[in-house]
Amino acid sequence: MGTHMPRAEAKAGDMIFWAHGGDCANDVTHVGIFMRDGWMVNAAHKGTPVREQAIWTSSDGTSICPDAVRYVALCVSCSMVVL
């Protein structure tokens, strides 16, 4: 589901993921929403407020995945694309 692209091609609203041990195919542990180069919207831990934060590459055994994912939803009842 969604379109995978290199993280360098991410646009605002794309999802970026982190995985335990770098296993992005099987063990994703965290997700952020890409805002702009170097920044995301993120809640780092349960109970942490959602906020803008610099994109980090690794922490506590998790590593950022190489791809970003873009999801596009179609609004069937209103005949328009919601990005």
PDB file of N, CA and C in Angstrom:
ATOM      1  N   MET A   1       0.840  -1.173   0.000  1.00  0.00           N
ATOM      2  CA  MET A   1       0.000   0.000   0.000  1.00  0.00           C
ATOM      3  C   MET A   1       0.885   1.237   0.000  1.00  0.00           C
ATOM      4  N   GLY A   2       0.515   2.229  -0.736  1.00  0.00           N
ATOM      5  CA  GLY A   2       1.304   3.439  -0.825  1.00  0.00           C
ATOM      6  C   GLY A   2       2.429   3.294  -1.828  1.00  0.00           C
ATOM      7  N   THR A   3       2.992   4.419  -2.212  1.00  0.00           N
ATOM      8  CA  THR A   3       4.088   4.444  -3.176  1.00  0.00           C
ATOM      9  C   THR A   3       5.397   4.687  -2.434  1.00  0.00           C
ATOM     10  N   HIS A   4       6.341   3.758  -2.585  1.00  0.00           N
ATOM     11  CA  HIS A   4       7.653   3.892  -1.947  1.00  0.00           C
ATOM     12  C   HIS A   4       8.561   4.721  -2.847  1.00  0.00           C
ATOM     13  N   MET A   5       9.351   5.568  -2.219  1.00  0.00           N
ATOM     14  CA  MET A   5      10.344   6.354  -2.936  1.00  0.00           C
ATOM     15  C   MET A   5      11.537   6.579  -2.009  1.00  0.00           C
ATOM     16  N   PRO A   6      12.712   6.902  -2.552  1.00  0.00           N
ATOM     17  CA  PRO A   6      13.843   7.224  -1.683  1.00  0.00           C
ATOM     18  C   PRO A   6      13.471   8.393  -0.766  1.00  0.00           C
ATOM     19  N   ARG A   7      13.920   8.340   0.463  1.00  0.00           N
ATOM     20  CA  ARG A   7      13.623   9.394   1.434  1.00  0.00           C
ATOM     21  C   ARG A   7      14.011  10.770   0.907  1.00  0.00           C
ATOM     22  N   ALA A   8      15.040  10.857   0.084  1.00  0.00           N
ATOM     23  CA  ALA A   8      15.483  12.144  -0.475  1.00  0.00           C
ATOM     24  C   ALA A   8      14.420  12.768  -1.375  1.00  0.00           C
ATOM     25  N   GLU A   9      13.449  11.978  -1.844  1.00  0.00           N
ATOM     26  CA  GLU A   9      12.386  12.489  -2.707  1.00  0.00           C
ATOM     27  C   GLU A   9      11.081  12.759  -1.950  1.00  0.00           C
ATOM     28  N   ALA A  10      11.118  12.641  -0.626  1.00  0.00           N
ATOM     29  CA  ALA A  10       9.912  12.824   0.181  1.00  0.00           C
ATOM     30  C   ALA A  10       9.390  14.253   0.076  1.00  0.00           C
ATOM     31  N   LYS A  11       8.062  14.364   0.137  1.00  0.00           N
ATOM     32  CA  LYS A  11       7.374  15.655   0.150  1.00  0.00           C
ATOM     33  C   LYS A  11       6.535  15.738   1.405  1.00  0.00           C
ATOM     34  N   ALA A  12       6.116  16.939   1.754  1.00  0.00           N
ATOM     35  CA  ALA A  12       5.298  17.144   2.946  1.00  0.00           C
ATOM     36  C   ALA A  12       4.109  16.187   2.942  1.00  0.00           C
ATOM     37  N   GLY A  13       3.895  15.500   4.048  1.00  0.00           N
ATOM     38  CA  GLY A  13       2.797  14.558   4.181  1.00  0.00           C
ATOM     39  C   GLY A  13       3.190  13.106   3.981  1.00  0.00           C
ATOM     40  N   ASP A  14       4.356  12.857   3.387  1.00  0.00           N
ATOM     41  CA  ASP A  14       4.823  11.483   3.218  1.00  0.00           C
ATOM     42  C   ASP A  14       5.200  10.901   4.579  1.00  0.00           C
ATOM     43  N   MET A  15       5.094   9.588   4.694  1.00  0.00           N
ATOM     44  CA  MET A  15       5.420   8.901   5.934  1.00  0.00           C
ATOM     45  C   MET A  15       6.862   8.409   5.877  1.00  0.00           C
ATOM     46  N   ILE A  16       7.560   8.538   7.009  1.00  0.00           N
ATOM     47  CA  ILE A  16       8.909   7.992   7.149  1.00  0.00           C
ATOM     48  C   ILE A  16       8.888   7.041   8.340  1.00  0.00           C
ATOM     49  N   PHE A  17       9.670   5.981   8.248  1.00  0.00           N
ATOM     50  CA  PHE A  17       9.585   4.891   9.214  1.00  0.00           C
ATOM     51  C   PHE A  17      10.942   4.555   9.805  1.00  0.00           C
ATOM     52  N   TRP A  18      10.915   3.962  11.009  1.00  0.00           N
ATOM     53  CA  TRP A  18      12.094   3.430  11.683  1.00  0.00           C
ATOM     54  C   TRP A  18      11.809   1.990  12.036  1.00  0.00           C
ATOM     55  N   ALA A  19      12.839   1.163  12.005  1.00  0.00           N
ATOM     56  CA  ALA A  19      12.657  -0.257  12.295  1.00  0.00           C
ATOM     57  C   ALA A  19      13.733  -0.738  13.267  1.00  0.00           C
ATOM     58  N   HIS A  20      13.346  -1.680  14.106  1.00  0.00           N
ATOM     59  CA  HIS A  20      14.283  -2.279  15.046  1.00  0.00           C
ATOM     60  C   HIS A  20      15.337  -3.058  14.266  1.00  0.00           C
ATOM     61  N   GLY A  21      16.565  -2.786  14.544  1.00  0.00           N
ATOM     62  CA  GLY A  21      17.663  -3.478  13.876  1.00  0.00           C
ATOM     63  C   GLY A  21      17.745  -3.209  12.380  1.00  0.00           C
ATOM     64  N   GLY A  22      17.051  -2.171  11.911  1.00  0.00           N
ATOM     65  CA  GLY A  22      17.070  -1.838  10.491  1.00  0.00           C
ATOM     66  C   GLY A  22      16.231  -2.756   9.621  1.00  0.00           C
ATOM     67  N   ASP A  23      15.395  -3.605  10.245  1.00  0.00           N
ATOM     68  CA  ASP A  23      14.567  -4.549   9.494  1.00  0.00           C
ATOM     69  C   ASP A  23      13.269  -3.872   9.054  1.00  0.00           C
ATOM     70  N   CYS A  24      13.358  -3.068   8.012  1.00  0.00           N
ATOM     71  CA  CYS A  24      12.224  -2.258   7.548  1.00  0.00           C
ATOM     72  C   CYS A  24      11.108  -3.091   6.923  1.00  0.00           C
ATOM     73  N   ALA A  25      11.391  -4.302   6.498  1.00  0.00           N
ATOM     74  CA  ALA A  25      10.362  -5.152   5.891  1.00  0.00           C
ATOM     75  C   ALA A  25       9.492  -5.831   6.944  1.00  0.00           C
ATOM     76  N   ASN A  26      10.035  -6.039   8.153  1.00  0.00           N
ATOM     77  CA  ASN A  26       9.313  -6.861   9.134  1.00  0.00           C
ATOM     78  C   ASN A  26       9.164  -6.271  10.527  1.00  0.00           C
ATOM     79  N   ASP A  27       9.900  -5.231  10.858  1.00  0.00           N
ATOM     80  CA  ASP A  27       9.909  -4.803  12.257  1.00  0.00           C
ATOM     81  C   ASP A  27       9.879  -3.282  12.410  1.00  0.00           C
ATOM     82  N   VAL A  28       8.934  -2.620  11.739  1.00  0.00           N
ATOM     83  CA  VAL A  28       8.784  -1.167  11.865  1.00  0.00           C
ATOM     84  C   VAL A  28       8.272  -0.855  13.266  1.00  0.00           C
ATOM     85  N   THR A  29       8.922   0.086  13.934  1.00  0.00           N
ATOM     86  CA  THR A  29       8.577   0.407  15.315  1.00  0.00           C
ATOM     87  C   THR A  29       8.124   1.849  15.511  1.00  0.00           C
ATOM     88  N   HIS A  30       8.315   2.695  14.492  1.00  0.00           N
ATOM     89  CA  HIS A  30       7.984   4.115  14.664  1.00  0.00           C
ATOM     90  C   HIS A  30       7.691   4.737  13.301  1.00  0.00           C
ATOM     91  N   VAL A  31       6.838   5.750  13.292  1.00  0.00           N
ATOM     92  CA  VAL A  31       6.508   6.459  12.058  1.00  0.00           C
ATOM     93  C   VAL A  31       6.463   7.961  12.347  1.00  0.00           C
ATOM     94  N   GLY A  32       6.894   8.743  11.371  1.00  0.00           N
ATOM     95  CA  GLY A  32       6.791  10.200  11.435  1.00  0.00           C
ATOM     96  C   GLY A  32       6.217  10.703  10.121  1.00  0.00           C
ATOM     97  N   ILE A  33       5.763  11.938  10.121  1.00  0.00           N
ATOM     98  CA  ILE A  33       5.217  12.549   8.906  1.00  0.00           C
ATOM     99  C   ILE A  33       6.214  13.607   8.441  1.00  0.00           C
ATOM    100  N   PHE A  34       6.727  13.416   7.231  1.00  0.00           N
ATOM    101  CA  PHE A  34       7.719  14.328   6.661  1.00  0.00           C
ATOM    102  C   PHE A  34       7.093  15.710   6.454  1.00  0.00           C
ATOM    103  N   MET A  35       7.821  16.760   6.864  1.00  0.00           N
ATOM    104  CA  MET A  35       7.355  18.139   6.676  1.00  0.00           C
ATOM    105  C   MET A  35       8.140  18.857   5.592  1.00  0.00           C
ATOM    106  N   ARG A  36       9.451  18.857   5.773  1.00  0.00           N
ATOM    107  CA  ARG A  36      10.377  19.520   4.855  1.00  0.00           C
ATOM    108  C   ARG A  36      11.752  18.940   5.153  1.00  0.00           C
ATOM    109  N   ASP A  37      12.721  19.263   4.325  1.00  0.00           N
ATOM    110  CA  ASP A  37      14.051  18.695   4.466  1.00  0.00           C
ATOM    111  C   ASP A  37      14.543  18.792   5.916  1.00  0.00           C
ATOM    112  N   GLY A  38      14.767  17.634   6.533  1.00  0.00           N
ATOM    113  CA  GLY A  38      15.308  17.580   7.884  1.00  0.00           C
ATOM    114  C   GLY A  38      14.284  17.663   9.002  1.00  0.00           C
ATOM    115  N   TRP A  39      12.985  17.826   8.690  1.00  0.00           N
ATOM    116  CA  TRP A  39      11.967  18.014   9.729  1.00  0.00           C
ATOM    117  C   TRP A  39      10.774  17.104   9.522  1.00  0.00           C
ATOM    118  N   MET A  40      10.165  16.691  10.639  1.00  0.00           N
ATOM    119  CA  MET A  40       8.987  15.833  10.618  1.00  0.00           C
ATOM    120  C   MET A  40       8.022  16.248  11.720  1.00  0.00           C
ATOM    121  N   VAL A  41       6.799  15.746  11.658  1.00  0.00           N
ATOM    122  CA  VAL A  41       5.836  15.808  12.749  1.00  0.00           C
ATOM    123  C   VAL A  41       5.904  14.443  13.408  1.00  0.00           C
ATOM    124  N   ASN A  42       5.959  14.430  14.758  1.00  0.00           N
ATOM    125  CA  ASN A  42       6.326  13.210  15.436  1.00  0.00           C
ATOM    126  C   ASN A  42       5.894  13.268  16.898  1.00  0.00           C
ATOM    127  N   ALA A  43       5.505  12.147  17.441  1.00  0.00           N
ATOM    128  CA  ALA A  43       5.374  11.968  18.886  1.00  0.00           C
ATOM    129  C   ALA A  43       6.388  10.895  19.241  1.00  0.00           C
ATOM    130  N   ALA A  44       7.466  11.289  19.872  1.00  0.00           N
ATOM    131  CA  ALA A  44       8.602  10.391  20.066  1.00  0.00           C
ATOM    132  C   ALA A  44       8.272   9.150  20.891  1.00  0.00           C
ATOM    133  N   HIS A  45       7.416   9.297  21.879  1.00  0.00           N
ATOM    134  CA  HIS A  45       7.064   8.181  22.763  1.00  0.00           C
ATOM    135  C   HIS A  45       5.614   8.329  23.200  1.00  0.00           C
ATOM    136  N   LYS A  46       5.032   7.260  23.695  1.00  0.00           N
ATOM    137  CA  LYS A  46       3.690   7.318  24.266  1.00  0.00           C
ATOM    138  C   LYS A  46       3.661   8.398  25.346  1.00  0.00           C
ATOM    139  N   GLY A  47       2.678   9.270  25.271  1.00  0.00           N
ATOM    140  CA  GLY A  47       2.558  10.340  26.248  1.00  0.00           C
ATOM    141  C   GLY A  47       3.292  11.615  25.873  1.00  0.00           C
ATOM    142  N   THR A  48       4.103  11.566  24.804  1.00  0.00           N
ATOM    143  CA  THR A  48       4.817  12.748  24.336  1.00  0.00           C
ATOM    144  C   THR A  48       3.911  13.522  23.390  1.00  0.00           C
ATOM    145  N   PRO A  49       3.819  14.845  23.531  1.00  0.00           N
ATOM    146  CA  PRO A  49       2.985  15.606  22.597  1.00  0.00           C
ATOM    147  C   PRO A  49       3.497  15.500  21.160  1.00  0.00           C
ATOM    148  N   VAL A  50       2.572  15.546  20.220  1.00  0.00           N
ATOM    149  CA  VAL A  50       2.945  15.611  18.805  1.00  0.00           C
ATOM    150  C   VAL A  50       3.582  16.967  18.567  1.00  0.00           C
ATOM    151  N   ARG A  51       4.712  16.969  17.850  1.00  0.00           N
ATOM    152  CA  ARG A  51       5.441  18.234  17.639  1.00  0.00           C
ATOM    153  C   ARG A  51       6.316  18.142  16.397  1.00  0.00           C
ATOM    154  N   GLU A  52       6.774  19.303  15.962  1.00  0.00           N
ATOM    155  CA  GLU A  52       7.798  19.346  14.908  1.00  0.00           C
ATOM    156  C   GLU A  52       9.109  18.933  15.550  1.00  0.00           C
ATOM    157  N   GLN A  53       9.870  18.118  14.824  1.00  0.00           N
ATOM    158  CA  GLN A  53      11.139  17.641  15.363  1.00  0.00           C
ATOM    159  C   GLN A  53      12.095  17.376  14.212  1.00  0.00           C
ATOM    160  N   ALA A  54      13.366  17.583  14.463  1.00  0.00           N
ATOM    161  CA  ALA A  54      14.378  17.231  13.470  1.00  0.00           C
ATOM    162  C   ALA A  54      14.331  15.723  13.234  1.00  0.00           C
ATOM    163  N   ILE A  55      14.496  15.305  11.993  1.00  0.00           N
ATOM    164  CA  ILE A  55      14.507  13.878  11.670  1.00  0.00           C
ATOM    165  C   ILE A  55      15.788  13.266  12.217  1.00  0.00           C
ATOM    166  N   TRP A  56      15.639  12.215  13.007  1.00  0.00           N
ATOM    167  CA  TRP A  56      16.787  11.502  13.570  1.00  0.00           C
ATOM    168  C   TRP A  56      16.964  10.195  12.819  1.00  0.00           C
ATOM    169  N   THR A  57      18.175   9.673  12.802  1.00  0.00           N
ATOM    170  CA  THR A  57      18.436   8.483  11.993  1.00  0.00           C
ATOM    171  C   THR A  57      18.448   7.195  12.809  1.00  0.00           C
ATOM    172  N   SER A  58      18.813   7.248  14.087  1.00  0.00           N
ATOM    173  CA  SER A  58      18.802   6.027  14.894  1.00  0.00           C
ATOM    174  C   SER A  58      18.699   6.383  16.370  1.00  0.00           C
ATOM    175  N   SER A  59      18.109   5.452  17.132  1.00  0.00           N
ATOM    176  CA  SER A  59      17.959   5.621  18.569  1.00  0.00           C
ATOM    177  C   SER A  59      17.508   4.306  19.177  1.00  0.00           C
ATOM    178  N   ASP A  60      18.105   3.920  20.276  1.00  0.00           N
ATOM    179  CA  ASP A  60      17.681   2.728  21.029  1.00  0.00           C
ATOM    180  C   ASP A  60      17.486   1.492  20.156  1.00  0.00           C
ATOM    181  N   GLY A  61      18.385   1.241  19.244  1.00  0.00           N
ATOM    182  CA  GLY A  61      18.324   0.038  18.416  1.00  0.00           C
ATOM    183  C   GLY A  61      17.447   0.141  17.187  1.00  0.00           C
ATOM    184  N   THR A  62      16.834   1.319  16.962  1.00  0.00           N
ATOM    185  CA  THR A  62      16.042   1.497  15.750  1.00  0.00           C
ATOM    186  C   THR A  62      16.820   2.354  14.760  1.00  0.00           C
ATOM    187  N   SER A  63      16.598   2.096  13.482  1.00  0.00           N
ATOM    188  CA  SER A  63      17.253   2.867  12.425  1.00  0.00           C
ATOM    189  C   SER A  63      16.206   3.334  11.427  1.00  0.00           C
ATOM    190  N   ILE A  64      16.450   4.509  10.835  1.00  0.00           N
ATOM    191  CA  ILE A  64      15.509   5.039   9.850  1.00  0.00           C
ATOM    192  C   ILE A  64      15.550   4.178   8.594  1.00  0.00           C
ATOM    193  N   CYS A  65      14.386   3.957   8.004  1.00  0.00           N
ATOM    194  CA  CYS A  65      14.280   3.167   6.778  1.00  0.00           C
ATOM    195  C   CYS A  65      14.646   4.024   5.572  1.00  0.00           C
ATOM    196  N   PRO A  66      15.159   3.413   4.516  1.00  0.00           N
ATOM    197  CA  PRO A  66      15.628   4.188   3.370  1.00  0.00           C
ATOM    198  C   PRO A  66      14.511   4.806   2.534  1.00  0.00           C
ATOM    199  N   ASP A  67      13.306   4.256   2.622  1.00  0.00           N
ATOM    200  CA  ASP A  67      12.207   4.759   1.799  1.00  0.00           C
ATOM    201  C   ASP A  67      11.251   5.627   2.603  1.00  0.00           C
ATOM    202  N   ALA A  68      10.622   6.548   1.899  1.00  0.00           N
ATOM    203  CA  ALA A  68       9.435   7.244   2.403  1.00  0.00           C
ATOM    204  C   ALA A  68       8.257   6.623   1.665  1.00  0.00           C
ATOM    205  N   VAL A  69       7.060   6.776   2.206  1.00  0.00           N
ATOM    206  CA  VAL A  69       5.872   6.212   1.559  1.00  0.00           C
ATOM    207  C   VAL A  69       4.824   7.301   1.424  1.00  0.00           C
ATOM    208  N   ARG A  70       4.285   7.426   0.221  1.00  0.00           N
ATOM    209  CA  ARG A  70       3.240   8.413  -0.071  1.00  0.00           C
ATOM    210  C   ARG A  70       1.920   7.679  -0.227  1.00  0.00           C
ATOM    211  N   TYR A  71       0.946   8.101   0.552  1.00  0.00           N
ATOM    212  CA  TYR A  71      -0.400   7.540   0.472  1.00  0.00           C
ATOM    213  C   TYR A  71      -1.306   8.562  -0.189  1.00  0.00           C
ATOM    214  N   VAL A  72      -2.111   8.123  -1.119  1.00  0.00           N
ATOM    215  CA  VAL A  72      -3.079   8.994  -1.789  1.00  0.00           C
ATOM    216  C   VAL A  72      -4.445   8.369  -1.581  1.00  0.00           C
ATOM    217  N   ALA A  73      -5.369   9.156  -1.044  1.00  0.00           N
ATOM    218  CA  ALA A  73      -6.729   8.656  -0.814  1.00  0.00           C
ATOM    219  C   ALA A  73      -7.667   9.298  -1.831  1.00  0.00           C
ATOM    220  N   LEU A  74      -8.518   8.497  -2.404  1.00  0.00           N
ATOM    221  CA  LEU A  74      -9.518   9.009  -3.341  1.00  0.00           C
ATOM    222  C   LEU A  74     -10.832   9.199  -2.604  1.00  0.00           C
ATOM    223  N   CYS A  75     -11.412  10.355  -2.763  1.00  0.00           N
ATOM    224  CA  CYS A  75     -12.708  10.652  -2.190  1.00  0.00           C
ATOM    225  C   CYS A  75     -13.751  10.299  -3.237  1.00  0.00           C
ATOM    226  N   VAL A  76     -14.300   9.102  -3.160  1.00  0.00           N
ATOM    227  CA  VAL A  76     -15.220   8.614  -4.204  1.00  0.00           C
ATOM    228  C   VAL A  76     -16.504   9.427  -4.235  1.00  0.00           C
ATOM    229  N   SER A  77     -17.047   9.767  -3.100  1.00  0.00           N
ATOM    230  CA  SER A  77     -18.334  10.462  -3.069  1.00  0.00           C
ATOM    231  C   SER A  77     -18.224  11.914  -3.537  1.00  0.00           C
ATOM    232  N   CYS A  78     -17.022  12.506  -3.461  1.00  0.00           N
ATOM    233  CA  CYS A  78     -16.904  13.900  -3.875  1.00  0.00           C
ATOM    234  C   CYS A  78     -16.100  14.061  -5.153  1.00  0.00           C
ATOM    235  N   SER A  79     -15.682  12.955  -5.777  1.00  0.00           N
ATOM    236  CA  SER A  79     -14.979  12.967  -7.066  1.00  0.00           C
ATOM    237  C   SER A  79     -13.742  13.849  -7.080  1.00  0.00           C
ATOM    238  N   MET A  80     -12.962  13.807  -6.018  1.00  0.00           N
ATOM    239  CA  MET A  80     -11.709  14.576  -5.999  1.00  0.00           C
ATOM    240  C   MET A  80     -10.638  13.760  -5.295  1.00  0.00           C
ATOM    241  N   VAL A  81      -9.400  14.131  -5.524  1.00  0.00           N
ATOM    242  CA  VAL A  81      -8.281  13.446  -4.894  1.00  0.00           C
ATOM    243  C   VAL A  81      -7.855  14.246  -3.667  1.00  0.00           C
ATOM    244  N   VAL A  82      -7.688  13.553  -2.552  1.00  0.00           N
ATOM    245  CA  VAL A  82      -7.226  14.183  -1.324  1.00  0.00           C
ATOM    246  C   VAL A  82      -5.791  13.740  -1.100  1.00  0.00           C
ATOM    247  N   LEU A  83      -4.861  14.682  -1.032  1.00  0.00           N
ATOM    248  CA  LEU A  83      -3.459  14.340  -0.822  1.00  0.00           C
ATOM    249  C   LEU A  83      -3.077  14.550   0.607  1.00  0.00           C
TER     250      LEU A  83
END
